[in-house]
Amino acid sequence: MDLLQKDGYILRAPEPEDLACMMQFENTPSLWEVGNVTGPYSRFFLKQYIESTRNDIFADNQLRLMIESPDKQVVGIIDLFNFEPFHNRAEVGIVVAKECRQKGVGELALRLLIAHSFDFLGLHQLYAHIDVTNEACRRLFQKCGFEECGYLKDWMRTGKTFRDVVVMQLMNL
């Protein structure tokens, strides 16, 4: 079986025709607070990103994959970022379209990414920083084998307040 597809779902590199979809995901203000984004991305910037990325974690220090459904619709994005080649680890991020949440799409995509990360890329560990109040995300990562291994107080700023995060980690043993 191909490491990046299952049950008709595919994790694939961004294509030029994904520009509008990426604009929608990347420019959703409610998602900015769970990442390190401070404002909207321009169409020009995202177009350049799609054109210039090699989608090779060793060249780009990140790997962004579109989550494509069996009917060829992009239903999310999953990333490896903060790649540390010396320590052989990367951080995981995922966003799934609202209408596709709680339907197993995130779990399928995360399991495909884990298999690709460990079996093909040879990474030693994956980790995620998750807002302690985001129970759905915590459950998703737990279902896929991640364990809570740390707690960071006031880690993410949301407006004028700060929120705690839990660090979740999965080792390739």
Protein backbone atom coordinates (compact mmCIF):
# COMPACT_ATOMS: atom_id res chain seq x y z
CA MET A 1 0.00 0.00 0.00
CA ASP A 2 1.16 3.53 -0.78
CA LEU A 3 2.12 5.30 2.45
CA LEU A 4 0.21 8.44 1.54
CA GLN A 5 -3.21 7.06 0.62
CA LYS A 6 -5.93 4.98 2.18
CA ASP A 7 -9.66 4.47 1.61
CA GLY A 8 -9.60 6.93 -1.29
CA TYR A 9 -8.00 9.70 0.80
CA ILE A 10 -4.64 11.00 -0.37
CA LEU A 11 -1.99 13.18 1.24
CA ARG A 12 -0.37 15.07 -1.61
CA ALA A 13 1.80 18.08 -2.35
CA PRO A 14 0.11 21.45 -2.88
CA GLU A 15 -0.75 22.23 -6.51
CA PRO A 16 -1.35 25.65 -8.12
CA GLU A 17 -5.09 24.94 -8.20
CA ASP A 18 -5.01 24.66 -4.37
CA LEU A 19 -4.32 28.38 -4.01
CA ALA A 20 -7.91 29.38 -3.15
CA CYS A 21 -8.25 26.52 -0.68
CA MET A 22 -4.94 27.39 0.99
CA MET A 23 -6.02 31.02 1.20
CA GLN A 24 -9.17 29.93 3.02
CA PHE A 25 -7.35 27.73 5.56
CA GLU A 26 -4.37 30.03 6.11
CA ASN A 27 -6.46 33.19 6.42
CA THR A 28 -8.95 31.95 9.00
CA PRO A 29 -8.31 34.18 12.05
CA SER A 30 -9.49 31.55 14.55
CA LEU A 31 -6.68 29.26 13.35
CA TRP A 32 -3.98 31.92 13.74
CA GLU A 33 -4.02 31.66 17.51
CA VAL A 34 -3.09 27.95 17.44
CA GLY A 35 -0.09 28.63 15.22
CA ASN A 36 2.46 31.35 14.84
CA VAL A 37 0.60 33.46 12.28
CA THR A 38 0.17 37.16 12.98
CA GLY A 39 -1.96 38.11 9.99
CA PRO A 40 -3.31 37.02 6.64
CA TYR A 41 -1.14 35.66 3.85
CA SER A 42 -1.39 37.32 0.47
CA ARG A 43 -2.40 35.42 -2.64
CA PHE A 44 1.01 36.35 -4.09
CA PHE A 45 2.89 34.89 -1.09
CA LEU A 46 0.97 31.59 -1.13
CA LYS A 47 1.35 31.33 -4.91
CA GLN A 48 5.11 31.80 -4.53
CA TYR A 49 5.16 29.20 -1.73
CA ILE A 50 3.41 26.63 -3.93
CA GLU A 51 5.75 27.38 -6.85
CA SER A 52 8.96 27.35 -4.82
CA THR A 53 8.50 24.51 -2.34
CA ARG A 54 10.20 21.27 -3.20
CA ASN A 55 7.95 19.58 -0.63
CA ASP A 56 11.03 17.82 0.64
CA ILE A 57 11.45 18.03 4.40
CA PHE A 58 15.24 17.80 4.08
CA ALA A 59 15.39 20.74 1.63
CA ASP A 60 12.56 22.91 3.00
CA ASN A 61 12.69 21.95 6.71
CA GLN A 62 8.95 21.36 6.48
CA LEU A 63 6.50 19.16 4.62
CA ARG A 64 3.00 20.43 3.84
CA LEU A 65 0.46 17.98 2.47
CA MET A 66 -3.07 18.55 1.27
CA ILE A 67 -5.68 16.09 2.54
CA GLU A 68 -7.72 15.11 -0.51
CA SER A 69 -11.00 13.20 -0.19
CA PRO A 70 -12.14 10.37 -2.48
CA ASP A 71 -14.19 12.92 -4.46
CA LYS A 72 -11.00 14.95 -5.11
CA GLN A 73 -11.87 17.80 -2.72
CA VAL A 74 -9.25 19.27 -0.39
CA VAL A 75 -10.62 18.74 3.12
CA GLY A 76 -7.58 19.75 5.15
CA ILE A 77 -3.87 20.35 5.42
CA ILE A 78 -1.35 18.42 7.50
CA ASP A 79 2.20 19.61 8.12
CA LEU A 80 5.54 18.58 9.47
CA PHE A 81 7.43 21.70 10.55
CA ASN A 82 10.14 22.80 13.00
CA PHE A 83 12.12 19.92 11.52
CA GLU A 84 15.35 19.26 13.39
CA PRO A 85 17.55 17.00 11.23
CA PHE A 86 20.22 16.52 13.89
CA HIS A 87 17.67 15.41 16.49
CA ASN A 88 15.55 13.67 13.84
CA ARG A 89 12.22 15.13 14.95
CA ALA A 90 9.44 17.34 13.61
CA GLU A 91 6.34 19.07 14.91
CA VAL A 92 2.94 18.11 13.51
CA GLY A 93 0.09 20.44 12.63
CA ILE A 94 -3.29 19.59 11.15
CA VAL A 95 -6.42 21.45 10.14
CA VAL A 96 -9.54 19.76 8.80
CA ALA A 97 -12.48 21.59 7.23
CA LYS A 98 -15.30 22.09 9.73
CA GLU A 99 -17.74 19.97 7.74
CA CYS A 100 -15.31 17.03 7.80
CA ARG A 101 -14.47 17.06 11.51
CA GLN A 102 -15.53 14.20 13.79
CA LYS A 103 -15.73 11.88 10.75
CA GLY A 104 -12.35 10.16 10.98
CA VAL A 105 -10.61 12.31 8.35
CA GLY A 106 -8.11 13.78 10.81
CA GLU A 107 -7.26 10.38 12.27
CA LEU A 108 -6.76 8.83 8.83
CA ALA A 109 -4.54 11.73 7.72
CA LEU A 110 -2.52 11.71 10.94
CA ARG A 111 -1.97 7.94 10.72
CA LEU A 112 -0.80 8.29 7.10
CA LEU A 113 1.58 11.09 8.09
CA ILE A 114 2.96 9.04 10.99
CA ALA A 115 3.62 6.06 8.71
CA HIS A 116 5.33 8.29 6.13
CA SER A 117 7.38 10.04 8.81
CA PHE A 118 8.63 6.87 10.46
CA ASP A 119 8.69 4.30 7.64
CA PHE A 120 9.89 6.50 4.77
CA LEU A 121 11.52 9.61 6.23
CA GLY A 122 13.05 7.68 9.14
CA LEU A 123 12.18 10.29 11.76
CA HIS A 124 12.73 9.33 15.39
CA GLN A 125 9.91 11.36 16.91
CA LEU A 126 6.93 13.58 16.21
CA TYR A 127 5.43 16.09 18.62
CA ALA A 128 2.64 18.63 18.86
CA HIS A 129 1.76 21.59 21.05
CA ILE A 130 -1.99 21.51 21.72
CA ASP A 131 -4.11 24.03 23.60
CA VAL A 132 -5.20 22.30 26.81
CA THR A 133 -8.82 23.25 26.11
CA ASN A 134 -8.81 21.58 22.66
CA GLU A 135 -10.13 18.20 23.81
CA ALA A 136 -10.96 16.99 20.28
CA CYS A 137 -7.38 17.54 19.12
CA ARG A 138 -5.92 15.92 22.23
CA ARG A 139 -8.15 12.86 21.68
CA LEU A 140 -7.13 12.68 18.01
CA PHE A 141 -3.42 12.61 18.85
CA GLN A 142 -3.98 10.11 21.71
CA LYS A 143 -5.90 7.79 19.35
CA CYS A 144 -2.87 7.83 17.07
CA GLY A 145 -0.45 6.87 19.85
CA PHE A 146 0.83 10.25 21.02
CA GLU A 147 1.38 10.63 24.75
CA GLU A 148 1.17 13.76 26.83
CA CYS A 149 4.70 14.44 28.02
CA GLY A 150 4.70 18.04 29.14
CA TYR A 151 2.69 21.08 30.08
CA LEU A 152 3.68 24.62 29.13
CA LYS A 153 2.05 27.48 31.03
CA ASP A 154 1.05 30.64 29.18
CA TRP A 155 2.58 29.25 25.96
CA MET A 156 0.19 30.69 23.37
CA ARG A 157 -1.07 34.24 23.26
CA THR A 158 -4.72 34.74 22.38
CA GLY A 159 -5.53 38.42 22.19
CA LYS A 160 -4.40 39.86 25.51
CA THR A 161 -4.37 36.57 27.41
CA PHE A 162 -2.17 33.50 27.36
CA ARG A 163 -3.16 29.86 27.20
CA ASP A 164 -1.50 26.69 28.40
CA VAL A 165 -0.53 23.89 26.03
CA VAL A 166 0.13 20.22 26.45
CA VAL A 167 3.08 18.73 24.59
CA MET A 168 2.27 15.41 22.96
CA GLN A 169 4.94 13.12 21.60
CA LEU A 170 5.18 9.93 19.55
CA MET A 171 8.43 7.99 19.34
CA ASN A 172 9.49 5.68 16.52
CA LEU A 173 10.79 2.78 18.58
